C-alpha atoms as a PDB file:
ATOM      1  CA  UNK A   1       0.005  -0.015  -0.007  1.00  0.00           C
ATOM      2  CA  UNK A   2       1.366   3.378  -0.899  1.00  0.00           C
ATOM      3  CA  UNK A   3       0.320   6.967  -0.404  1.00  0.00           C
ATOM      4  CA  UNK A   4       1.072   8.877  -3.656  1.00  0.00           C
ATOM      5  CA  UNK A   5       1.213  12.630  -3.803  1.00  0.00           C
ATOM      6  CA  UNK A   6       2.242  14.748  -6.809  1.00  0.00           C
ATOM      7  CA  UNK A   7       3.258  11.528  -8.572  1.00  0.00           C
ATOM      8  CA  UNK A   8       5.739  10.428  -5.842  1.00  0.00           C
ATOM      9  CA  UNK A   9       5.495   7.859  -3.057  1.00  0.00           C
ATOM     10  CA  UNK A  10       5.033   9.772   0.207  1.00  0.00           C
ATOM     11  CA  UNK A  11       4.639   6.787   2.492  1.00  0.00           C
ATOM     12  CA  UNK A  12       4.238   3.019   2.076  1.00  0.00           C
ATOM     13  CA  UNK A  13       3.119   0.164   4.316  1.00  0.00           C
ATOM     14  CA  UNK A  14       3.065  -3.617   3.980  1.00  0.00           C
ATOM     15  CA  UNK A  15       0.351  -5.933   5.215  1.00  0.00           C
ATOM     16  CA  UNK A  16       0.865  -9.125   7.149  1.00  0.00           C
ATOM     17  CA  UNK A  17       1.531 -12.218   5.029  1.00  0.00           C
ATOM     18  CA  UNK A  18      -1.330 -14.600   4.420  1.00  0.00           C
ATOM     19  CA  UNK A  19      -0.766 -18.354   4.519  1.00  0.00           C
ATOM     20  CA  UNK A  20      -0.300 -19.805   1.011  1.00  0.00           C
ATOM     21  CA  UNK A  21      -2.965 -22.475   1.811  1.00  0.00           C
ATOM     22  CA  UNK A  22      -5.660 -19.804   1.995  1.00  0.00           C
ATOM     23  CA  UNK A  23      -7.529 -19.670  -1.356  1.00  0.00           C
ATOM     24  CA  UNK A  24      -9.807 -16.763  -0.497  1.00  0.00           C
ATOM     25  CA  UNK A  25      -7.820 -14.435   1.794  1.00  0.00           C
ATOM     26  CA  UNK A  26      -9.376 -11.508   3.680  1.00  0.00           C
ATOM     27  CA  UNK A  27      -7.278  -8.449   4.417  1.00  0.00           C
ATOM     28  CA  UNK A  28      -8.634  -6.654   7.471  1.00  0.00           C
ATOM     29  CA  UNK A  29      -5.940  -4.208   8.438  1.00  0.00           C
ATOM     30  CA  UNK A  30      -5.999  -0.569   9.328  1.00  0.00           C
ATOM     31  CA  UNK A  31      -3.531   1.979   7.954  1.00  0.00           C
ATOM     32  CA  UNK A  32      -3.254   5.578   8.959  1.00  0.00           C
ATOM     33  CA  UNK A  33      -1.736   8.221   6.734  1.00  0.00           C
ATOM     34  CA  UNK A  34      -1.378  11.874   7.668  1.00  0.00           C
ATOM     35  CA  UNK A  35      -1.885  14.205   4.736  1.00  0.00           C
ATOM     36  CA  UNK A  36      -2.239  17.976   4.631  1.00  0.00           C
ATOM     37  CA  UNK A  37      -5.642  19.071   3.383  1.00  0.00           C
ATOM     38  CA  UNK A  38      -3.945  21.003   0.587  1.00  0.00           C
ATOM     39  CA  UNK A  39      -2.684  17.694  -0.813  1.00  0.00           C
ATOM     40  CA  UNK A  40      -6.031  15.870  -0.899  1.00  0.00           C
ATOM     41  CA  UNK A  41      -6.834  16.589  -4.553  1.00  0.00           C
ATOM     42  CA  UNK A  42      -3.331  15.612  -5.764  1.00  0.00           C
ATOM     43  CA  UNK A  43      -3.012  12.398  -3.739  1.00  0.00           C
ATOM     44  CA  UNK A  44      -4.267   8.823  -3.735  1.00  0.00           C
ATOM     45  CA  UNK A  45      -3.689   5.514  -1.965  1.00  0.00           C
ATOM     46  CA  UNK A  46      -2.789   2.508  -4.114  1.00  0.00           C
ATOM     47  CA  UNK A  47      -3.356  -0.924  -2.597  1.00  0.00           C
ATOM     48  CA  UNK A  48      -1.490  -3.606  -4.538  1.00  0.00           C
ATOM     49  CA  UNK A  49      -2.102  -7.316  -3.867  1.00  0.00           C
ATOM     50  CA  UNK A  50       0.660  -9.793  -4.744  1.00  0.00           C
ATOM     51  CA  UNK A  51       0.917 -13.587  -4.763  1.00  0.00           C
ATOM     52  CA  UNK A  52       3.375 -16.323  -5.647  1.00  0.00           C
ATOM     53  CA  UNK A  53       3.476 -18.079  -8.962  1.00  0.00           C
ATOM     54  CA  UNK A  54       4.116 -21.805  -9.130  1.00  0.00           C
ATOM     55  CA  UNK A  55       7.719 -20.895 -10.033  1.00  0.00           C
ATOM     56  CA  UNK A  56       7.999 -19.120  -6.632  1.00  0.00           C
ATOM     57  CA  UNK A  57       8.236 -15.638  -8.148  1.00  0.00           C
ATOM     58  CA  UNK A  58       6.010 -12.914  -6.793  1.00  0.00           C
ATOM     59  CA  UNK A  59       3.402 -11.446  -9.142  1.00  0.00           C
ATOM     60  CA  UNK A  60       0.741  -8.798  -9.107  1.00  0.00           C
ATOM     61  CA  UNK A  61      -2.764 -10.105  -8.557  1.00  0.00           C
ATOM     62  CA  UNK A  62      -4.549  -6.813  -8.687  1.00  0.00           C
ATOM     63  CA  UNK A  63      -4.958  -3.362  -7.108  1.00  0.00           C
ATOM     64  CA  UNK A  64      -7.421  -0.772  -5.984  1.00  0.00           C
ATOM     65  CA  UNK A  65      -6.950   2.983  -6.026  1.00  0.00           C
ATOM     66  CA  UNK A  66      -8.532   5.207  -3.354  1.00  0.00           C
ATOM     67  CA  UNK A  67      -8.562   8.888  -4.241  1.00  0.00           C
ATOM     68  CA  UNK A  68     -10.297  11.841  -5.881  1.00  0.00           C
ATOM     69  CA  UNK A  69     -11.912  11.487  -9.354  1.00  0.00           C
ATOM     70  CA  UNK A  70      -8.687  11.990 -11.271  1.00  0.00           C
ATOM     71  CA  UNK A  71      -7.223   8.863  -9.615  1.00  0.00           C
ATOM     72  CA  UNK A  72     -10.195   6.685  -8.723  1.00  0.00           C
ATOM     73  CA  UNK A  73     -13.712   5.577  -9.671  1.00  0.00           C
ATOM     74  CA  UNK A  74     -16.346   3.309  -8.104  1.00  0.00           C
ATOM     75  CA  UNK A  75     -15.734   2.048  -4.564  1.00  0.00           C
ATOM     76  CA  UNK A  76     -12.273   3.687  -4.384  1.00  0.00           C
ATOM     77  CA  UNK A  77     -13.794   7.086  -5.006  1.00  0.00           C
ATOM     78  CA  UNK A  78     -16.717   6.333  -2.663  1.00  0.00           C
ATOM     79  CA  UNK A  79     -14.374   5.440   0.236  1.00  0.00           C
ATOM     80  CA  UNK A  80     -12.133   8.445  -0.397  1.00  0.00           C
ATOM     81  CA  UNK A  81     -15.144  10.779  -0.398  1.00  0.00           C
ATOM     82  CA  UNK A  82     -16.569   9.218   2.817  1.00  0.00           C
ATOM     83  CA  UNK A  83     -13.128   9.438   4.539  1.00  0.00           C
ATOM     84  CA  UNK A  84     -12.921  13.129   3.762  1.00  0.00           C
ATOM     85  CA  UNK A  85     -16.439  13.782   5.031  1.00  0.00           C
ATOM     86  CA  UNK A  86     -15.707  12.321   8.476  1.00  0.00           C
ATOM     87  CA  UNK A  87     -12.004  12.861   9.250  1.00  0.00           C
ATOM     88  CA  UNK A  88     -10.380  10.805  12.059  1.00  0.00           C
ATOM     89  CA  UNK A  89     -13.062   8.139  11.689  1.00  0.00           C
ATOM     90  CA  UNK A  90     -12.295   4.528  10.648  1.00  0.00           C
ATOM     91  CA  UNK A  91     -13.991   3.897   7.301  1.00  0.00           C
ATOM     92  CA  UNK A  92     -13.932   0.275   6.017  1.00  0.00           C
ATOM     93  CA  UNK A  93     -15.118  -0.878   2.599  1.00  0.00           C
ATOM     94  CA  UNK A  94     -14.853  -3.970   0.448  1.00  0.00           C
ATOM     95  CA  UNK A  95     -13.206  -3.467  -2.923  1.00  0.00           C
ATOM     96  CA  UNK A  96     -12.942  -5.676  -6.016  1.00  0.00           C
ATOM     97  CA  UNK A  97      -9.448  -5.689  -7.412  1.00  0.00           C
ATOM     98  CA  UNK A  98      -8.614  -4.294 -10.811  1.00  0.00           C
ATOM     99  CA  UNK A  99      -6.192  -6.256 -12.925  1.00  0.00           C
ATOM    100  CA  UNK A 100      -2.797  -4.744 -13.858  1.00  0.00           C
ATOM    101  CA  UNK A 101      -2.383  -4.163 -17.533  1.00  0.00           C
ATOM    102  CA  UNK A 102       0.495  -2.906 -19.598  1.00  0.00           C
ATOM    103  CA  UNK A 103      -1.202   0.486 -20.085  1.00  0.00           C
ATOM    104  CA  UNK A 104      -1.551   0.919 -16.275  1.00  0.00           C
ATOM    105  CA  UNK A 105       2.148   0.621 -15.542  1.00  0.00           C
ATOM    106  CA  UNK A 106       5.585   0.593 -17.093  1.00  0.00           C
ATOM    107  CA  UNK A 107       6.679  -1.905 -14.474  1.00  0.00           C
ATOM    108  CA  UNK A 108       7.295  -5.589 -15.259  1.00  0.00           C
ATOM    109  CA  UNK A 109       3.912  -7.091 -14.533  1.00  0.00           C
ATOM    110  CA  UNK A 110       5.393 -10.433 -13.581  1.00  0.00           C
ATOM    111  CA  UNK A 111       7.368  -8.892 -10.718  1.00  0.00           C
ATOM    112  CA  UNK A 112       5.700  -7.540  -7.577  1.00  0.00           C
ATOM    113  CA  UNK A 113       8.169  -4.729  -6.980  1.00  0.00           C
ATOM    114  CA  UNK A 114       6.095  -1.626  -7.573  1.00  0.00           C
ATOM    115  CA  UNK A 115       6.460  -0.372  -4.024  1.00  0.00           C
END
Protein backbone atom coordinates (compact mmCIF):
# COMPACT_ATOMS: atom_id res chain seq x y z
CA UNK A 1 0.00 0.00 0.00
CA UNK A 2 1.37 3.40 -0.89
CA UNK A 3 0.30 6.99 -0.42
CA UNK A 4 1.08 8.85 -3.63
CA UNK A 5 1.22 12.65 -3.80
CA UNK A 6 2.24 14.74 -6.80
CA UNK A 7 3.27 11.51 -8.57
CA UNK A 8 5.73 10.42 -5.84
CA UNK A 9 5.50 7.85 -3.06
CA UNK A 10 5.05 9.77 0.20
CA UNK A 11 4.64 6.77 2.51
CA UNK A 12 4.25 3.03 2.08
CA UNK A 13 3.11 0.18 4.32
CA UNK A 14 3.05 -3.60 3.97
CA UNK A 15 0.34 -5.92 5.24
CA UNK A 16 0.85 -9.14 7.14
CA UNK A 17 1.54 -12.21 5.01
CA UNK A 18 -1.34 -14.61 4.42
CA UNK A 19 -0.77 -18.36 4.52
CA UNK A 20 -0.32 -19.82 1.02
CA UNK A 21 -2.95 -22.46 1.81
CA UNK A 22 -5.66 -19.78 1.98
CA UNK A 23 -7.53 -19.67 -1.34
CA UNK A 24 -9.81 -16.75 -0.49
CA UNK A 25 -7.83 -14.43 1.80
CA UNK A 26 -9.38 -11.51 3.67
CA UNK A 27 -7.25 -8.48 4.41
CA UNK A 28 -8.64 -6.66 7.44
CA UNK A 29 -5.95 -4.21 8.43
CA UNK A 30 -5.99 -0.55 9.33
CA UNK A 31 -3.53 1.97 7.95
CA UNK A 32 -3.27 5.59 8.97
CA UNK A 33 -1.74 8.23 6.73
CA UNK A 34 -1.39 11.88 7.68
CA UNK A 35 -1.86 14.19 4.74
CA UNK A 36 -2.24 17.98 4.61
CA UNK A 37 -5.67 19.08 3.38
CA UNK A 38 -3.95 21.02 0.59
CA UNK A 39 -2.67 17.69 -0.81
CA UNK A 40 -6.03 15.87 -0.89
CA UNK A 41 -6.83 16.59 -4.54
CA UNK A 42 -3.34 15.61 -5.77
CA UNK A 43 -3.02 12.38 -3.77
CA UNK A 44 -4.27 8.81 -3.75
CA UNK A 45 -3.68 5.52 -1.97
CA UNK A 46 -2.81 2.51 -4.11
CA UNK A 47 -3.37 -0.94 -2.59
CA UNK A 48 -1.50 -3.61 -4.54
CA UNK A 49 -2.09 -7.32 -3.89
CA UNK A 50 0.67 -9.78 -4.74
CA UNK A 51 0.93 -13.55 -4.76
CA UNK A 52 3.37 -16.30 -5.63
CA UNK A 53 3.47 -18.07 -8.97
CA UNK A 54 4.11 -21.81 -9.11
CA UNK A 55 7.70 -20.89 -10.01
CA UNK A 56 8.01 -19.13 -6.64
CA UNK A 57 8.26 -15.64 -8.14
CA UNK A 58 6.01 -12.90 -6.78
CA UNK A 59 3.41 -11.48 -9.16
CA UNK A 60 0.74 -8.78 -9.07
CA UNK A 61 -2.77 -10.12 -8.55
CA UNK A 62 -4.55 -6.79 -8.68
CA UNK A 63 -4.96 -3.38 -7.15
CA UNK A 64 -7.42 -0.76 -5.98
CA UNK A 65 -6.95 3.00 -6.04
CA UNK A 66 -8.52 5.22 -3.36
CA UNK A 67 -8.57 8.88 -4.23
CA UNK A 68 -10.29 11.83 -5.88
CA UNK A 69 -11.92 11.49 -9.34
CA UNK A 70 -8.67 12.00 -11.27
CA UNK A 71 -7.21 8.85 -9.63
CA UNK A 72 -10.20 6.68 -8.72
CA UNK A 73 -13.71 5.59 -9.65
CA UNK A 74 -16.34 3.33 -8.12
CA UNK A 75 -15.72 2.04 -4.59
CA UNK A 76 -12.27 3.67 -4.39
CA UNK A 77 -13.79 7.10 -5.01
CA UNK A 78 -16.71 6.32 -2.67
CA UNK A 79 -14.40 5.42 0.23
CA UNK A 80 -12.14 8.45 -0.38
CA UNK A 81 -15.15 10.80 -0.38
CA UNK A 82 -16.53 9.25 2.80
CA UNK A 83 -13.14 9.42 4.55
CA UNK A 84 -12.91 13.14 3.76
CA UNK A 85 -16.45 13.78 5.02
CA UNK A 86 -15.72 12.32 8.48
CA UNK A 87 -12.01 12.85 9.26
CA UNK A 88 -10.37 10.80 12.04
CA UNK A 89 -13.05 8.12 11.70
CA UNK A 90 -12.30 4.54 10.66
CA UNK A 91 -14.00 3.88 7.30
CA UNK A 92 -13.96 0.30 6.02
CA UNK A 93 -15.11 -0.86 2.60
CA UNK A 94 -14.84 -3.98 0.45
CA UNK A 95 -13.19 -3.49 -2.93
CA UNK A 96 -12.95 -5.68 -6.00
CA UNK A 97 -9.43 -5.69 -7.40
CA UNK A 98 -8.63 -4.28 -10.82
CA UNK A 99 -6.19 -6.27 -12.94
CA UNK A 100 -2.81 -4.78 -13.85
CA UNK A 101 -2.41 -4.15 -17.53
CA UNK A 102 0.51 -2.90 -19.60
CA UNK A 103 -1.20 0.47 -20.09
CA UNK A 104 -1.54 0.91 -16.28
CA UNK A 105 2.15 0.62 -15.54
CA UNK A 106 5.57 0.60 -17.10
CA UNK A 107 6.67 -1.93 -14.46
CA UNK A 108 7.30 -5.58 -15.27
CA UNK A 109 3.91 -7.11 -14.53
CA UNK A 110 5.39 -10.46 -13.57
CA UNK A 111 7.36 -8.90 -10.72
CA UNK A 112 5.71 -7.53 -7.58
CA UNK A 113 8.17 -4.72 -6.99
CA UNK A 114 6.08 -1.62 -7.58
CA UNK A 115 6.44 -0.38 -4.03
